[in-house]
Amino acid sequence: METYRRNTARHRVLSLRLTAQYLVLFVAGLLGVFVCFAGMYMSGIPQGLCILFALAAGLAVTGGTFYLNRRFGPHGLQKLMASRRHPRRIVHRRAVGRLLRFRRTVKP
């Protein structure tokens, strides 16, 4: 009786390794490229030029999405958007001498 070895290394599932926010950007970008391609094609622009534009824009969207995923991580875009809402520095408009004076409390 022969023994068959299972080759599990070849049964890998293709995974994009993108989180939900990057998947939304990726799908929206590709949908935008498709709409632009269809509009260009219906407006009478030569077919070869439309295909070249679609390929270049699709590769740019794909590369940009994976670049953002590598740079900012799974929650990085949310952190980046949140950091824009916080002030960079706190501004005191009082004089320095006034900040250093101690206030005396009056006891009744």
N, C-alpha and C. Protein backbone atom coordinates (compact mmCIF):
# COMPACT_ATOMS: atom_id res chain seq x y z
N MET A 1 0.83 -1.17 0.00
CA MET A 1 0.00 0.00 0.00
C MET A 1 0.88 1.25 0.00
N GLU A 2 0.58 2.15 -0.89
CA GLU A 2 1.41 3.35 -1.02
C GLU A 2 0.94 4.43 -0.04
N THR A 3 1.89 5.22 0.38
CA THR A 3 1.59 6.33 1.28
C THR A 3 1.67 7.62 0.48
N TYR A 4 0.62 8.40 0.55
CA TYR A 4 0.58 9.67 -0.17
C TYR A 4 0.82 10.82 0.81
N ARG A 5 1.75 11.67 0.45
CA ARG A 5 2.05 12.82 1.29
C ARG A 5 1.23 14.02 0.83
N ARG A 6 0.61 14.65 1.77
CA ARG A 6 -0.18 15.84 1.42
C ARG A 6 0.75 17.03 1.28
N ASN A 7 0.60 17.71 0.21
CA ASN A 7 1.41 18.89 -0.01
C ASN A 7 0.58 20.11 0.40
N THR A 8 0.71 20.51 1.65
CA THR A 8 -0.11 21.61 2.15
C THR A 8 0.46 22.97 1.80
N ALA A 9 1.71 23.02 1.42
CA ALA A 9 2.33 24.31 1.11
C ALA A 9 1.75 24.93 -0.16
N ARG A 10 1.21 24.13 -1.04
CA ARG A 10 0.68 24.65 -2.30
C ARG A 10 -0.76 25.09 -2.21
N HIS A 11 -1.41 24.84 -1.10
CA HIS A 11 -2.82 25.18 -0.96
C HIS A 11 -3.01 26.47 -0.15
N ARG A 12 -2.23 27.47 -0.49
CA ARG A 12 -2.35 28.75 0.20
C ARG A 12 -3.49 29.56 -0.40
N VAL A 13 -4.16 30.30 0.46
CA VAL A 13 -5.25 31.15 0.02
C VAL A 13 -4.68 32.53 -0.31
N LEU A 14 -5.08 33.07 -1.44
CA LEU A 14 -4.63 34.39 -1.82
C LEU A 14 -5.23 35.42 -0.88
N SER A 15 -4.38 36.19 -0.26
CA SER A 15 -4.84 37.18 0.71
C SER A 15 -4.22 38.52 0.38
N LEU A 16 -5.04 39.56 0.37
CA LEU A 16 -4.53 40.90 0.10
C LEU A 16 -3.89 41.53 1.32
N ARG A 17 -4.21 41.04 2.49
CA ARG A 17 -3.72 41.55 3.77
C ARG A 17 -4.01 43.04 3.92
N LEU A 18 -5.20 43.44 3.55
CA LEU A 18 -5.65 44.81 3.72
C LEU A 18 -6.78 44.84 4.72
N THR A 19 -6.80 45.87 5.54
CA THR A 19 -7.91 46.02 6.48
C THR A 19 -9.06 46.72 5.78
N ALA A 20 -10.15 46.87 6.48
CA ALA A 20 -11.39 47.36 5.87
C ALA A 20 -11.24 48.75 5.27
N GLN A 21 -10.53 49.65 5.96
CA GLN A 21 -10.41 51.00 5.43
C GLN A 21 -9.63 51.02 4.12
N TYR A 22 -8.61 50.19 4.01
CA TYR A 22 -7.83 50.15 2.78
C TYR A 22 -8.59 49.42 1.67
N LEU A 23 -9.40 48.43 2.03
CA LEU A 23 -10.22 47.77 1.02
C LEU A 23 -11.23 48.74 0.42
N VAL A 24 -11.79 49.61 1.25
CA VAL A 24 -12.73 50.61 0.74
C VAL A 24 -12.02 51.55 -0.22
N LEU A 25 -10.83 52.00 0.14
CA LEU A 25 -10.06 52.87 -0.76
C LEU A 25 -9.71 52.15 -2.06
N PHE A 26 -9.33 50.91 -1.94
CA PHE A 26 -8.93 50.13 -3.11
C PHE A 26 -10.10 49.93 -4.07
N VAL A 27 -11.25 49.53 -3.53
CA VAL A 27 -12.42 49.28 -4.38
C VAL A 27 -12.94 50.59 -4.98
N ALA A 28 -12.96 51.66 -4.17
CA ALA A 28 -13.42 52.95 -4.69
C ALA A 28 -12.50 53.47 -5.78
N GLY A 29 -11.20 53.27 -5.61
CA GLY A 29 -10.24 53.70 -6.64
C GLY A 29 -10.41 52.93 -7.93
N LEU A 30 -10.57 51.61 -7.83
CA LEU A 30 -10.75 50.82 -9.05
C LEU A 30 -12.09 51.12 -9.72
N LEU A 31 -13.11 51.39 -8.92
CA LEU A 31 -14.40 51.78 -9.49
C LEU A 31 -14.29 53.12 -10.21
N GLY A 32 -13.54 54.05 -9.63
CA GLY A 32 -13.31 55.33 -10.28
C GLY A 32 -12.55 55.18 -11.58
N VAL A 33 -11.56 54.29 -11.61
CA VAL A 33 -10.81 54.03 -12.84
C VAL A 33 -11.73 53.44 -13.91
N PHE A 34 -12.60 52.53 -13.50
CA PHE A 34 -13.52 51.93 -14.46
C PHE A 34 -14.48 52.96 -15.04
N VAL A 35 -15.00 53.84 -14.19
CA VAL A 35 -15.92 54.87 -14.66
C VAL A 35 -15.21 55.82 -15.62
N CYS A 36 -13.98 56.20 -15.29
CA CYS A 36 -13.21 57.06 -16.21
C CYS A 36 -12.93 56.35 -17.53
N PHE A 37 -12.60 55.07 -17.46
CA PHE A 37 -12.35 54.30 -18.68
C PHE A 37 -13.60 54.24 -19.55
N ALA A 38 -14.74 53.97 -18.94
CA ALA A 38 -15.98 53.89 -19.71
C ALA A 38 -16.33 55.25 -20.31
N GLY A 39 -16.13 56.31 -19.56
CA GLY A 39 -16.41 57.64 -20.08
C GLY A 39 -15.49 58.01 -21.23
N MET A 40 -14.22 57.67 -21.09
CA MET A 40 -13.28 57.97 -22.17
C MET A 40 -13.61 57.17 -23.42
N TYR A 41 -13.96 55.90 -23.24
CA TYR A 41 -14.26 55.03 -24.38
C TYR A 41 -15.51 55.50 -25.11
N MET A 42 -16.54 55.89 -24.35
CA MET A 42 -17.78 56.34 -24.99
C MET A 42 -17.65 57.73 -25.62
N SER A 43 -16.68 58.51 -25.16
CA SER A 43 -16.52 59.84 -25.75
C SER A 43 -15.73 59.82 -27.05
N GLY A 44 -15.18 58.68 -27.42
CA GLY A 44 -14.54 58.56 -28.72
C GLY A 44 -13.02 58.58 -28.68
N ILE A 45 -12.43 58.54 -27.51
CA ILE A 45 -10.97 58.49 -27.41
C ILE A 45 -10.52 57.10 -27.88
N PRO A 46 -9.40 57.02 -28.60
CA PRO A 46 -8.96 55.72 -29.12
C PRO A 46 -8.84 54.64 -28.03
N GLN A 47 -9.18 53.42 -28.42
CA GLN A 47 -9.26 52.32 -27.48
C GLN A 47 -7.92 52.03 -26.80
N GLY A 48 -6.84 52.09 -27.55
CA GLY A 48 -5.51 51.83 -26.98
C GLY A 48 -5.15 52.83 -25.90
N LEU A 49 -5.48 54.09 -26.12
CA LEU A 49 -5.21 55.12 -25.12
C LEU A 49 -6.04 54.90 -23.86
N CYS A 50 -7.29 54.49 -24.05
CA CYS A 50 -8.16 54.20 -22.90
C CYS A 50 -7.61 53.04 -22.07
N ILE A 51 -7.14 52.00 -22.75
CA ILE A 51 -6.61 50.83 -22.05
C ILE A 51 -5.32 51.18 -21.32
N LEU A 52 -4.45 51.96 -21.96
CA LEU A 52 -3.22 52.38 -21.29
C LEU A 52 -3.51 53.22 -20.05
N PHE A 53 -4.48 54.14 -20.17
CA PHE A 53 -4.86 54.94 -19.00
C PHE A 53 -5.40 54.05 -17.89
N ALA A 54 -6.27 53.11 -18.23
CA ALA A 54 -6.87 52.25 -17.21
C ALA A 54 -5.80 51.39 -16.52
N LEU A 55 -4.86 50.86 -17.28
CA LEU A 55 -3.80 50.05 -16.68
C LEU A 55 -2.91 50.89 -15.77
N ALA A 56 -2.52 52.07 -16.23
CA ALA A 56 -1.65 52.92 -15.42
C ALA A 56 -2.36 53.39 -14.15
N ALA A 57 -3.62 53.81 -14.29
CA ALA A 57 -4.36 54.27 -13.12
C ALA A 57 -4.66 53.12 -12.15
N GLY A 58 -4.96 51.95 -12.68
CA GLY A 58 -5.20 50.79 -11.83
C GLY A 58 -3.96 50.39 -11.05
N LEU A 59 -2.80 50.41 -11.72
CA LEU A 59 -1.56 50.10 -11.02
C LEU A 59 -1.23 51.17 -9.97
N ALA A 60 -1.53 52.43 -10.27
CA ALA A 60 -1.29 53.50 -9.30
C ALA A 60 -2.18 53.35 -8.08
N VAL A 61 -3.44 53.01 -8.30
CA VAL A 61 -4.36 52.81 -7.17
C VAL A 61 -3.91 51.61 -6.33
N THR A 62 -3.54 50.53 -6.97
CA THR A 62 -3.09 49.35 -6.24
C THR A 62 -1.81 49.63 -5.46
N GLY A 63 -0.83 50.22 -6.12
CA GLY A 63 0.42 50.53 -5.44
C GLY A 63 0.23 51.52 -4.31
N GLY A 64 -0.60 52.53 -4.53
CA GLY A 64 -0.86 53.52 -3.50
C GLY A 64 -1.55 52.93 -2.28
N THR A 65 -2.48 52.02 -2.51
CA THR A 65 -3.19 51.39 -1.40
C THR A 65 -2.24 50.53 -0.57
N PHE A 66 -1.40 49.75 -1.21
CA PHE A 66 -0.46 48.91 -0.47
C PHE A 66 0.61 49.75 0.21
N TYR A 67 0.99 50.88 -0.40
CA TYR A 67 1.94 51.79 0.24
C TYR A 67 1.35 52.37 1.52
N LEU A 68 0.10 52.82 1.46
CA LEU A 68 -0.55 53.35 2.65
C LEU A 68 -0.68 52.28 3.73
N ASN A 69 -0.97 51.06 3.35
CA ASN A 69 -1.10 49.97 4.31
C ASN A 69 0.24 49.69 4.98
N ARG A 70 1.33 49.70 4.21
CA ARG A 70 2.65 49.47 4.78
C ARG A 70 3.07 50.61 5.68
N ARG A 71 2.78 51.83 5.28
CA ARG A 71 3.26 52.99 6.02
C ARG A 71 2.49 53.24 7.30
N PHE A 72 1.17 53.17 7.25
CA PHE A 72 0.36 53.56 8.39
C PHE A 72 -0.18 52.39 9.19
N GLY A 73 -0.15 51.19 8.68
CA GLY A 73 -0.62 50.04 9.44
C GLY A 73 -2.14 49.91 9.44
N PRO A 74 -2.67 49.00 10.26
CA PRO A 74 -4.10 48.71 10.20
C PRO A 74 -5.01 49.86 10.63
N HIS A 75 -4.57 50.67 11.60
CA HIS A 75 -5.42 51.76 12.07
C HIS A 75 -4.78 53.11 11.82
N GLY A 76 -3.78 53.15 10.96
CA GLY A 76 -2.99 54.36 10.77
C GLY A 76 -3.74 55.51 10.13
N LEU A 77 -4.59 55.22 9.17
CA LEU A 77 -5.32 56.32 8.53
C LEU A 77 -6.30 56.95 9.51
N GLN A 78 -6.89 56.16 10.37
CA GLN A 78 -7.78 56.71 11.38
C GLN A 78 -6.99 57.58 12.37
N LYS A 79 -5.80 57.15 12.74
CA LYS A 79 -4.96 57.95 13.63
C LYS A 79 -4.51 59.22 12.95
N LEU A 80 -4.19 59.15 11.66
CA LEU A 80 -3.77 60.33 10.92
C LEU A 80 -4.90 61.34 10.83
N MET A 81 -6.11 60.89 10.55
CA MET A 81 -7.24 61.80 10.48
C MET A 81 -7.56 62.39 11.86
N ALA A 82 -7.39 61.60 12.92
CA ALA A 82 -7.65 62.10 14.27
C ALA A 82 -6.59 63.11 14.70
N SER A 83 -5.34 62.92 14.26
CA SER A 83 -4.28 63.85 14.66
C SER A 83 -4.48 65.22 14.05
N ARG A 84 -5.17 65.30 12.95
CA ARG A 84 -5.42 66.60 12.33
C ARG A 84 -6.45 67.41 13.11
N ARG A 85 -7.21 66.78 13.95
CA ARG A 85 -8.22 67.48 14.73
C ARG A 85 -7.67 68.03 16.04
N HIS A 86 -6.48 67.58 16.46
CA HIS A 86 -5.88 68.04 17.70
C HIS A 86 -4.96 69.23 17.41
N PRO A 87 -4.91 70.18 18.34
CA PRO A 87 -4.00 71.32 18.13
C PRO A 87 -2.55 70.89 18.23
N ARG A 88 -1.69 71.53 17.47
CA ARG A 88 -0.27 71.17 17.51
C ARG A 88 0.40 71.68 18.78
N ARG A 89 -0.03 72.84 19.26
CA ARG A 89 0.54 73.39 20.49
C ARG A 89 -0.53 74.16 21.24
N ILE A 90 -0.29 74.32 22.52
CA ILE A 90 -1.20 75.09 23.35
C ILE A 90 -0.62 76.48 23.48
N VAL A 91 -1.42 77.49 23.24
CA VAL A 91 -0.95 78.86 23.24
C VAL A 91 -1.42 79.55 24.52
N HIS A 92 -0.47 80.10 25.27
CA HIS A 92 -0.79 80.92 26.43
C HIS A 92 -0.59 82.37 26.03
N ARG A 93 -1.58 83.17 26.24
CA ARG A 93 -1.46 84.57 25.88
C ARG A 93 -1.17 85.47 27.08
N ARG A 94 -0.98 84.88 28.23
CA ARG A 94 -0.64 85.66 29.41
C ARG A 94 0.87 85.91 29.45
N ALA A 95 1.24 86.94 30.16
CA ALA A 95 2.66 87.23 30.33
C ALA A 95 3.30 86.18 31.24
N VAL A 96 4.59 85.96 31.06
CA VAL A 96 5.28 84.93 31.83
C VAL A 96 5.27 85.28 33.31
N GLY A 97 5.48 86.54 33.64
CA GLY A 97 5.47 86.95 35.05
C GLY A 97 4.14 86.69 35.72
N ARG A 98 3.09 86.89 35.00
CA ARG A 98 1.76 86.65 35.56
C ARG A 98 1.50 85.16 35.79
N LEU A 99 2.08 84.32 34.96
CA LEU A 99 1.92 82.87 35.14
C LEU A 99 2.69 82.36 36.35
N LEU A 100 3.79 83.04 36.69
CA LEU A 100 4.63 82.57 37.78
C LEU A 100 4.20 83.09 39.15
N ARG A 101 3.37 84.11 39.21
CA ARG A 101 2.92 84.64 40.49
C ARG A 101 1.98 83.65 41.17
N PHE A 102 2.14 83.56 42.47
CA PHE A 102 1.27 82.69 43.25
C PHE A 102 0.10 83.50 43.76
N ARG A 103 -1.04 82.94 43.69
CA ARG A 103 -2.24 83.61 44.20
C ARG A 103 -2.43 83.25 45.68
N ARG A 104 -2.68 84.23 46.44
CA ARG A 104 -2.92 83.97 47.85
C ARG A 104 -4.43 83.89 48.07
N THR A 105 -4.82 82.87 48.75
CA THR A 105 -6.23 82.73 49.08
C THR A 105 -6.50 83.43 50.40
N VAL A 106 -7.53 84.18 50.42
CA VAL A 106 -7.90 84.91 51.63
C VAL A 106 -8.80 84.04 52.48
N LYS A 107 -8.40 83.85 53.74
CA LYS A 107 -9.22 83.04 54.64
C LYS A 107 -10.19 83.95 55.39
N PRO A 108 -11.45 83.61 55.48
CA PRO A 108 -12.43 84.47 56.17
C PRO A 108 -12.28 84.43 57.67
